[in-house]
Amino acid sequence: MLPILSHIPVQQINNPSFILQNIEVDLLRLDMIHPIVSGNKLFKLHYFLEEAKLKPNKIITTFGGAYSNHLVATAFACKQMGIECIGIVRGEKASNLSPTLTQCEQYGMQLIFVSRKEYASNDTIFFRKKIKINADDCIIIPEGGYHPLGAKGASLIMNTLTEKGYTHICTPVGTATTLAGLLMGKKENQQVLGFNVLKGLNDIAERITFLTGKNKDGLNYKILYDYHFGGYAKKTNELISFMNLLWNTHQIATDFVYTAKMIFGVFDLLEKKYFLPDSKIAIIHTGGLQGNNSLPKDALIF
C-alpha cells in the first residue's frame, strides 16, 4: 500500500496585495506526495485499494479519457500492489497512444477502447461484455473516483490542514468528488470554494448529495463558474502565461486542466477583494502535471 498521510508540504504564497489585505494564502502541495500518484488521486483511490487488499483476487476496472490522471494513478497503484487492472478508455484507439495511456500500459493496465457514444451511455451490461469477465470478479472504480468511497478518501485531505484555522478551502471541481470529500472533512466554520473546470456542469448539488448522503443545506460551499477557460482541458494564452508567471514568481508548477485555473481564480478574487481581511485561505494543489505532456514542448518554462 502506498503511503497517504505522510507529511505534505504547505507553501505560503506571499504577494504584496495579499499582505495589504491581511490575508494569508497557503498552497497544500498534494502534487508532491508522489512522482506518479500525485495530488488528490491517491486519496480518492484509498478506500478502493483497501478493499482490494481484502479481496486479492479481484480485478480493478476503471474509466477515463486519453489524458486521464485517474487512469495512470490507478495503473501505478495497482502495479505497486500487484493487482490486475483494466482501463475502459473513452474514444477509439489512436494510431499513437497519448503519453498518459502509454504510461498506463507500461504499468500493466489492460486498455479497452470504446466509442464516445458507447462510453456516454454508461451501459453497465455493455461494459461487462467488453471486459469479458464476470462483474462479480471486479472492483469497479467510476471515472475520477466518482463514488461515495472516493469522496470518503478525499475527506482525508482535511487531516493535513489542521495546523491553521483556515476560513476558506479552495479546490478545482471536475466530478465533484474531491469537493464532496472536503465538505465531509471540514470544520463547521470553514467555507469550501469550488472552481468549476467544466463548461455547463450544472448538477453539482445533486452530485454532492450522492457522494455525501447529505443535501446542500448547511454544507457551506460555493461554486465559481467563471474560470473554466472554455471548458474541460481547454486553455488560452492568458492561462499559459499565468502558469509561467506562477512558476517564475513562486516556483509552483501547475497543470492547465485543473490547478492553474483554480489558482488563477483565487488570485482574481483576491484582487477584487472578494475575501474579508484576516481570511486564511488554503488552496489544494490536486496534482495531475502529466496532463501538460499534451502541450507543445516550448509552451511552459518548467
Protein backbone atom coordinates (compact mmCIF):
# COMPACT_ATOMS: atom_id res chain seq x y z
CA MET A 1 0.00 0.00 0.00
CA LEU A 2 1.32 3.43 -0.88
CA PRO A 3 1.78 5.96 1.95
CA ILE A 4 -1.04 8.50 2.00
CA LEU A 5 -0.82 10.63 5.11
CA SER A 6 2.89 11.31 5.44
CA HIS A 7 3.88 14.95 5.84
CA ILE A 8 2.69 17.06 2.94
CA PRO A 9 4.33 20.48 2.41
CA VAL A 10 2.26 23.63 2.77
CA GLN A 11 3.69 26.55 0.81
CA GLN A 12 2.83 30.11 1.78
CA ILE A 13 2.19 32.35 -1.21
CA ASN A 14 3.44 35.85 -0.49
CA ASN A 15 2.09 38.73 -2.53
CA PRO A 16 2.06 42.47 -1.62
CA SER A 17 -1.65 42.69 -2.42
CA PHE A 18 -2.47 39.80 -0.07
CA ILE A 19 -0.35 41.31 2.70
CA LEU A 20 -2.09 44.68 2.36
CA GLN A 21 -5.42 42.93 2.84
CA ASN A 22 -4.01 40.98 5.81
CA ILE A 23 -4.89 37.72 4.10
CA GLU A 24 -2.84 34.54 4.33
CA VAL A 25 -2.74 32.23 1.31
CA ASP A 26 -1.26 28.72 1.57
CA LEU A 27 -0.93 26.03 -1.07
CA LEU A 28 -1.27 22.41 0.04
CA ARG A 29 1.25 20.64 -2.19
CA LEU A 30 -0.54 17.37 -2.84
CA ASP A 31 1.41 17.34 -6.11
CA MET A 32 4.47 16.44 -4.03
CA ILE A 33 3.00 13.27 -2.48
CA HIS A 34 4.44 11.01 -5.12
CA PRO A 35 6.02 11.43 -8.58
CA ILE A 36 3.28 9.36 -10.26
CA VAL A 37 0.24 9.08 -7.98
CA SER A 38 0.20 12.76 -7.12
CA GLY A 39 -2.42 15.19 -5.94
CA ASN A 40 -5.88 14.09 -4.88
CA LYS A 41 -5.78 10.87 -6.88
CA LEU A 42 -4.31 8.62 -4.19
CA PHE A 43 -6.78 9.95 -1.63
CA LYS A 44 -9.73 9.13 -3.88
CA LEU A 45 -8.32 5.67 -4.57
CA HIS A 46 -7.51 4.95 -0.93
CA TYR A 47 -10.61 3.01 0.16
CA PHE A 48 -10.91 1.17 -3.16
CA LEU A 49 -7.33 -0.04 -2.71
CA GLU A 50 -8.10 -1.02 0.88
CA GLU A 51 -10.99 -3.12 -0.43
CA ALA A 52 -8.67 -4.69 -2.99
CA LYS A 53 -6.26 -5.71 -0.23
CA LEU A 54 -9.08 -7.63 1.42
CA LYS A 55 -10.14 -9.25 -1.87
CA PRO A 56 -6.83 -10.09 -3.58
CA ASN A 57 -8.36 -11.99 -6.49
CA LYS A 58 -10.48 -9.06 -7.65
CA ILE A 59 -9.62 -7.10 -10.79
CA ILE A 60 -9.86 -3.32 -10.56
CA THR A 61 -11.74 -1.84 -13.51
CA THR A 62 -11.96 1.89 -14.05
CA PHE A 63 -12.68 4.52 -16.69
CA GLY A 64 -11.19 7.64 -18.25
CA GLY A 65 -10.06 9.55 -21.32
CA ALA A 66 -6.77 9.61 -23.18
CA TYR A 67 -5.25 12.14 -20.77
CA SER A 68 -6.83 10.88 -17.56
CA ASN A 69 -4.74 11.46 -14.43
CA HIS A 70 -7.04 8.98 -12.72
CA LEU A 71 -6.19 6.15 -15.13
CA VAL A 72 -2.44 6.49 -14.78
CA ALA A 73 -2.65 6.84 -10.99
CA THR A 74 -4.79 3.71 -10.78
CA ALA A 75 -2.43 1.80 -13.08
CA PHE A 76 0.62 2.69 -11.00
CA ALA A 77 -1.05 1.95 -7.66
CA CYS A 78 -2.22 -1.44 -8.92
CA LYS A 79 1.26 -2.27 -10.19
CA GLN A 80 2.71 -1.44 -6.76
CA MET A 81 0.14 -3.64 -5.04
CA GLY A 82 0.24 -6.50 -7.55
CA ILE A 83 -3.39 -6.03 -8.60
CA GLU A 84 -4.64 -6.74 -12.11
CA CYS A 85 -6.39 -3.73 -13.60
CA ILE A 86 -8.39 -2.74 -16.67
CA GLY A 87 -8.94 0.75 -18.05
CA ILE A 88 -12.02 1.47 -20.16
CA VAL A 89 -10.90 4.36 -22.38
CA ARG A 90 -13.28 6.91 -23.90
CA GLY A 91 -12.77 7.11 -27.68
CA GLU A 92 -11.39 4.89 -30.41
CA LYS A 93 -7.76 3.78 -30.17
CA ALA A 94 -5.43 6.26 -31.84
CA SER A 95 -2.51 5.18 -34.01
CA ASN A 96 -0.20 6.81 -31.45
CA LEU A 97 -1.25 6.47 -27.83
CA SER A 98 -1.17 9.56 -25.62
CA PRO A 99 1.72 9.78 -23.13
CA THR A 100 -0.83 9.05 -20.39
CA LEU A 101 -2.09 5.83 -21.95
CA THR A 102 1.44 4.76 -22.80
CA GLN A 103 2.27 5.06 -19.12
CA CYS A 104 -0.83 3.06 -18.20
CA GLU A 105 0.29 0.19 -20.44
CA GLN A 106 3.82 0.38 -19.05
CA TYR A 107 2.37 -0.09 -15.56
CA GLY A 108 0.46 -3.17 -16.73
CA MET A 109 -3.05 -1.79 -17.20
CA GLN A 110 -5.08 -3.53 -19.90
CA LEU A 111 -6.74 -0.84 -22.03
CA ILE A 112 -10.10 -1.35 -23.71
CA PHE A 113 -11.25 1.40 -26.07
CA VAL A 114 -14.91 2.23 -26.64
CA SER A 115 -16.56 4.86 -28.79
CA ARG A 116 -17.61 8.11 -27.13
CA LYS A 117 -21.25 7.22 -27.75
CA GLU A 118 -20.88 3.84 -26.06
CA TYR A 119 -18.90 5.40 -23.22
CA ALA A 120 -21.51 8.11 -22.66
CA SER A 121 -24.30 5.53 -22.50
CA ASN A 122 -22.89 4.26 -19.21
CA ASP A 123 -24.38 0.88 -20.08
CA THR A 124 -23.16 -1.49 -17.38
CA ILE A 125 -24.16 -4.61 -19.34
CA PHE A 126 -22.24 -3.35 -22.37
CA PHE A 127 -19.10 -2.74 -20.31
CA ARG A 128 -19.35 -6.20 -18.72
CA LYS A 129 -19.39 -7.73 -22.20
CA LYS A 130 -16.45 -5.57 -23.25
CA ILE A 131 -14.17 -6.61 -20.40
CA LYS A 132 -15.27 -10.25 -20.86
CA ILE A 133 -15.14 -11.09 -17.17
CA ASN A 134 -17.77 -11.60 -14.55
CA ALA A 135 -18.64 -8.32 -12.83
CA ASP A 136 -18.51 -10.19 -9.51
CA ASP A 137 -14.77 -10.57 -10.07
CA CYS A 138 -14.27 -6.80 -10.38
CA ILE A 139 -13.89 -3.82 -8.13
CA ILE A 140 -15.40 -1.05 -10.21
CA ILE A 141 -13.98 2.46 -9.73
CA PRO A 142 -16.04 5.07 -11.61
CA GLU A 143 -14.27 7.74 -13.64
CA GLY A 144 -12.36 10.13 -11.41
CA GLY A 145 -13.27 8.07 -8.34
CA TYR A 146 -16.81 9.47 -8.50
CA HIS A 147 -18.30 7.33 -5.74
CA PRO A 148 -19.01 7.75 -2.01
CA LEU A 149 -15.84 5.74 -1.31
CA GLY A 150 -13.87 8.20 -3.45
CA ALA A 151 -15.33 11.12 -1.52
CA LYS A 152 -14.60 9.39 1.77
CA GLY A 153 -10.98 9.06 0.69
CA ALA A 154 -10.84 12.71 -0.37
CA SER A 155 -12.11 13.72 3.06
CA LEU A 156 -8.73 12.58 4.43
CA ILE A 157 -7.17 15.63 2.76
CA MET A 158 -8.60 17.76 5.55
CA ASN A 159 -6.47 15.82 8.06
CA THR A 160 -3.45 17.60 6.56
CA LEU A 161 -4.90 21.08 7.15
CA THR A 162 -5.26 21.15 10.92
CA GLU A 163 -2.39 23.47 11.88
CA LYS A 164 -4.08 26.74 10.90
CA GLY A 165 -7.63 27.92 11.30
CA TYR A 166 -8.36 28.25 7.62
CA THR A 167 -11.51 30.17 6.75
CA HIS A 168 -11.63 29.04 3.10
CA ILE A 169 -10.60 25.83 1.35
CA CYS A 170 -10.26 26.10 -2.45
CA THR A 171 -10.36 23.22 -4.91
CA PRO A 172 -10.90 22.69 -8.63
CA VAL A 173 -14.10 20.81 -9.48
CA GLY A 174 -14.40 18.11 -12.12
CA THR A 175 -16.51 15.18 -10.94
CA ALA A 176 -17.02 17.00 -7.58
CA THR A 177 -15.61 14.01 -5.68
CA THR A 178 -12.82 15.98 -4.02
CA LEU A 179 -15.21 18.84 -3.28
CA ALA A 180 -17.56 16.40 -1.56
CA GLY A 181 -14.72 14.92 0.46
CA LEU A 182 -13.57 18.34 1.66
CA LEU A 183 -17.14 19.12 2.73
CA MET A 184 -17.22 15.87 4.71
CA GLY A 185 -13.95 16.67 6.48
CA LYS A 186 -14.08 20.43 7.02
CA LYS A 187 -14.94 22.28 10.22
CA GLU A 188 -18.33 23.93 10.57
CA ASN A 189 -16.99 27.49 10.23
CA GLN A 190 -14.97 26.79 7.07
CA GLN A 191 -16.24 27.51 3.57
CA VAL A 192 -15.19 25.43 0.57
CA LEU A 193 -14.87 27.22 -2.76
CA GLY A 194 -15.07 25.00 -5.82
CA PHE A 195 -13.67 26.29 -9.12
CA ASN A 196 -15.56 24.55 -11.90
CA VAL A 197 -13.31 23.46 -14.81
CA LEU A 198 -16.12 22.07 -16.99
CA LYS A 199 -18.39 24.18 -19.10
CA GLY A 200 -22.06 23.53 -18.44
CA LEU A 201 -21.70 21.39 -15.31
CA ASN A 202 -24.98 22.26 -13.59
CA ASP A 203 -25.67 19.25 -11.37
CA ILE A 204 -23.08 19.77 -8.64
CA ALA A 205 -25.67 19.91 -5.85
CA GLU A 206 -27.04 16.53 -6.93
CA ARG A 207 -23.52 15.12 -7.12
CA ILE A 208 -22.76 16.32 -3.59
CA THR A 209 -25.91 14.63 -2.31
CA PHE A 210 -24.95 11.34 -3.98
CA LEU A 211 -21.36 11.47 -2.72
CA THR A 212 -22.03 12.60 0.84
CA GLY A 213 -25.56 11.42 1.52
CA LYS A 214 -26.46 15.00 2.55
CA ASN A 215 -28.28 17.80 0.79
CA LYS A 216 -26.59 21.14 0.20
CA ASP A 217 -28.25 22.87 3.16
CA GLY A 218 -25.69 23.74 5.80
CA LEU A 219 -22.68 22.40 3.89
CA ASN A 220 -21.28 25.92 3.36
CA TYR A 221 -19.76 25.81 -0.10
CA LYS A 222 -19.85 27.97 -3.21
CA ILE A 223 -19.13 27.10 -6.83
CA LEU A 224 -17.31 29.59 -9.07
CA TYR A 225 -18.20 29.14 -12.74
CA ASP A 226 -16.14 31.89 -14.39
CA TYR A 227 -12.71 30.27 -14.56
CA HIS A 228 -13.04 27.26 -16.87
CA PHE A 229 -11.26 28.99 -19.79
CA GLY A 230 -13.60 27.45 -22.34
CA GLY A 231 -14.26 24.08 -20.72
CA TYR A 232 -12.58 20.86 -19.69
CA ALA A 233 -8.95 20.66 -20.89
CA LYS A 234 -9.43 23.94 -22.77
CA LYS A 235 -6.82 26.66 -22.45
CA THR A 236 -5.96 30.18 -23.59
CA ASN A 237 -2.73 32.09 -23.99
CA GLU A 238 -3.68 34.01 -20.86
CA LEU A 239 -3.82 30.80 -18.83
CA ILE A 240 -0.48 29.53 -20.17
CA SER A 241 1.14 32.90 -19.42
CA PHE A 242 -0.25 32.77 -15.90
CA MET A 243 1.21 29.29 -15.37
CA ASN A 244 4.65 30.52 -16.42
CA LEU A 245 4.33 33.62 -14.21
CA LEU A 246 3.35 31.41 -11.27
CA TRP A 247 6.49 29.36 -11.81
CA ASN A 248 8.70 32.44 -12.13
CA THR A 249 7.37 34.15 -9.01
CA HIS A 250 6.58 31.23 -6.69
CA GLN A 251 8.18 28.10 -8.25
CA ILE A 252 4.77 26.45 -8.45
CA ALA A 253 4.24 24.05 -11.34
CA THR A 254 0.58 23.63 -12.29
CA ASP A 255 -1.48 21.73 -14.84
CA PHE A 256 -3.69 23.57 -17.31
CA VAL A 257 -6.73 21.32 -16.76
CA TYR A 258 -7.37 21.86 -13.05
CA THR A 259 -4.99 23.60 -10.68
CA ALA A 260 -3.89 26.53 -12.84
CA LYS A 261 -7.50 27.54 -13.47
CA MET A 262 -8.31 27.40 -9.76
CA ILE A 263 -5.26 29.43 -8.66
CA PHE A 264 -5.98 31.99 -11.39
CA GLY A 265 -9.49 32.26 -9.97
CA VAL A 266 -8.29 32.65 -6.38
CA PHE A 267 -5.83 35.39 -7.38
CA ASP A 268 -8.55 37.16 -9.37
CA LEU A 269 -10.94 37.06 -6.40
CA LEU A 270 -8.20 38.40 -4.12
CA GLU A 271 -7.57 41.30 -6.48
CA LYS A 272 -11.32 42.01 -6.49
CA LYS A 273 -11.29 41.94 -2.64
CA TYR A 274 -13.74 39.07 -2.53
CA PHE A 275 -12.33 37.83 0.79
CA LEU A 276 -12.66 39.65 4.09
CA PRO A 277 -9.48 40.93 5.80
CA ASP A 278 -7.90 38.34 8.13
CA SER A 279 -9.07 35.48 5.94
CA LYS A 280 -6.84 32.40 5.84
CA ILE A 281 -7.08 30.59 2.53
CA ALA A 282 -5.90 27.05 1.78
CA ILE A 283 -5.58 26.15 -1.91
CA ILE A 284 -5.49 22.44 -2.77
CA HIS A 285 -2.95 21.59 -5.48
CA THR A 286 -4.55 18.49 -6.95
CA GLY A 287 -1.53 17.42 -8.99
CA GLY A 288 -2.03 15.96 -12.45
CA LEU A 289 1.03 17.58 -14.01
CA GLN A 290 1.39 14.73 -16.50
CA GLY A 291 -1.53 16.31 -18.38
CA ASN A 292 0.85 19.04 -19.53
CA ASN A 293 2.53 16.46 -21.79
CA SER A 294 -0.14 17.24 -24.37
CA LEU A 295 1.10 20.84 -24.69
CA PRO A 296 3.77 21.94 -27.19
CA LYS A 297 7.20 21.42 -25.65
CA ASP A 298 8.00 25.13 -25.57
CA ALA A 299 4.68 26.25 -24.08
CA LEU A 300 5.80 26.03 -20.45
CA ILE A 301 9.09 27.05 -18.86
CA PHE A 302 9.01 24.35 -16.16
